Amino acid sequence: MEDLKRQYKKVMDDHFPDEMTIQFGSQTLRYKKRSWKIPDSTGALVEKGLRYGENPGQEAALYELLSGNLELGGCKFVEPGCSLVSGIAEDNMIQAGKHPGKTNLTDVDNALNIMKFLMGKPSCAIMKHNNPSGVATATILSEAYHKANMADRIAAFGGAAVFNRPIDVATAELISENYLEVVAAPDFEPGVVDILAGRKNLRILALPRIDRLEQYCAIRFVDFKSLIDGGLIIQQSPVNAVRSPSDLKLAETSYKGATYSIERYPTQREIDDMIFGWAVEQGVTSNSVLYVKGGCTVGIGTGEQDRVGVAELAVIKAHVKCRDRICYEKYGKSYNEITDEEIRRELDRETREVGAGLFDSIMVSDAFFPFRDGVDVGIKAGVSAIVHPGGSDRDYESIQACNEARPQVTMMFTGQRAFKH
């Protein structure tokens, strides 16, 4: 058996073709395989593509769309010349570290999928295993990074941090305190690269088109799902329809001739966080429930099979991550490194006192709640508002739960689902 450490360092040869064409009826799209000349450990330039796929031993290749303008059923898909991750060249690799693997680039891509809805403010998304560990907006970039990082400091270790503004020195100094695999931004201010380059294997990527990300909000791409029998399922990518307060609807439904309506209208703060949370949902694996507050994620539950379970998971994660943050800010170490039982009890108490950041947070669900039990989880945790698609036969129960809560909880419908598998 080959040494595992050697497997992770090895760059595999891939046997995929240099060019690929996909034909949709009479329309043909042409793609070119990407490769980069990156120095190896001896300093010699090595031209290769992706290091490997999701795991060592899996050949993989990245292709960029070169030509073809696909239009199907009146929908015009993304055109050539709009490359983001697939267009990364050596010049964009300010520091290559080593040839990228599939997960490095798909993490950056999914971060951009979230970030394109957050271009109005300095924002940061830190990704791990193609899900956000933390996402935040702020008035300055360093604050956005700090909030996103401290939302889940442990999961952020070894992640990909993506920014929608040029990285400044203050932000770079915070980044340098942690271990990340990738840092991507539209540009880097003077002195920043010197700070970040202290970690020699960090991949530092300049993606100039990030500053135009908002243009991608309404553009669809073709999404492929390969089956184990060699078949394909093809779908349009989704479009986030919730971009402003007018895109949300106060929860209301009818059941057996009676009308059920939410009694409290959300505040501006709650609406802002609903829109922010729904943007983050576009990049979270389903079934998912997340809690957000003040333009920052508090707890993110992903990939569970039942909605009440994922709502509970997100609450548990919020408590674990908040406790660790408090511990780190006080003692400069993780909660799990604390052996003094009295200190641990004190940290537990402080976490409970602040409700793990869940008090007055917003609960976001990528699909409707089939029963009120999921909503009850959020209300018990202390949320002040809930946003979800609506459309369940039992929406009336969820509305009743919000109206019965003390203080009352408000609820808005998005009118669209945000599944991501």
Foldseek 3Di string as FASTA:
>chain_A
DDDQVVLVQAQDAADDDQKDWDDDDPWIWIKGWDWAFDADPVGHTDIHAASAEPGRPHHDIAIATDATFDDDPNATADGHPLDFLSPFYPVQFPAALGHHHHQQSLLQVLQLLLCLLVLVFKKKFWDDSQATLKIFGDNDNLVRVVQRCLLFVPRSAQTEMEILAADEPSNLQVVLVGHYQEYEYQHHDPPSCVSNCVPNNHGYGHGNCSPVSNVCQPHWDWDWDADPVRDIDIDIQDHQQQRDLVLKAFDWDDDPRDIFGADDDDDPQQSVQQSSVSSSLLRAAPQWKWKDHNRMTQFIFGDDDALLVSLVRRLVSLLQSLLQSVCCVVPVDGLVVDDDPVVNVVSSVVSVVCLSVLAQIEMEGLADHQALSSVVSSVVSHHQEYEHADDHSVSSRNSVVQCPRVVHHTYIHSVHGNHDD
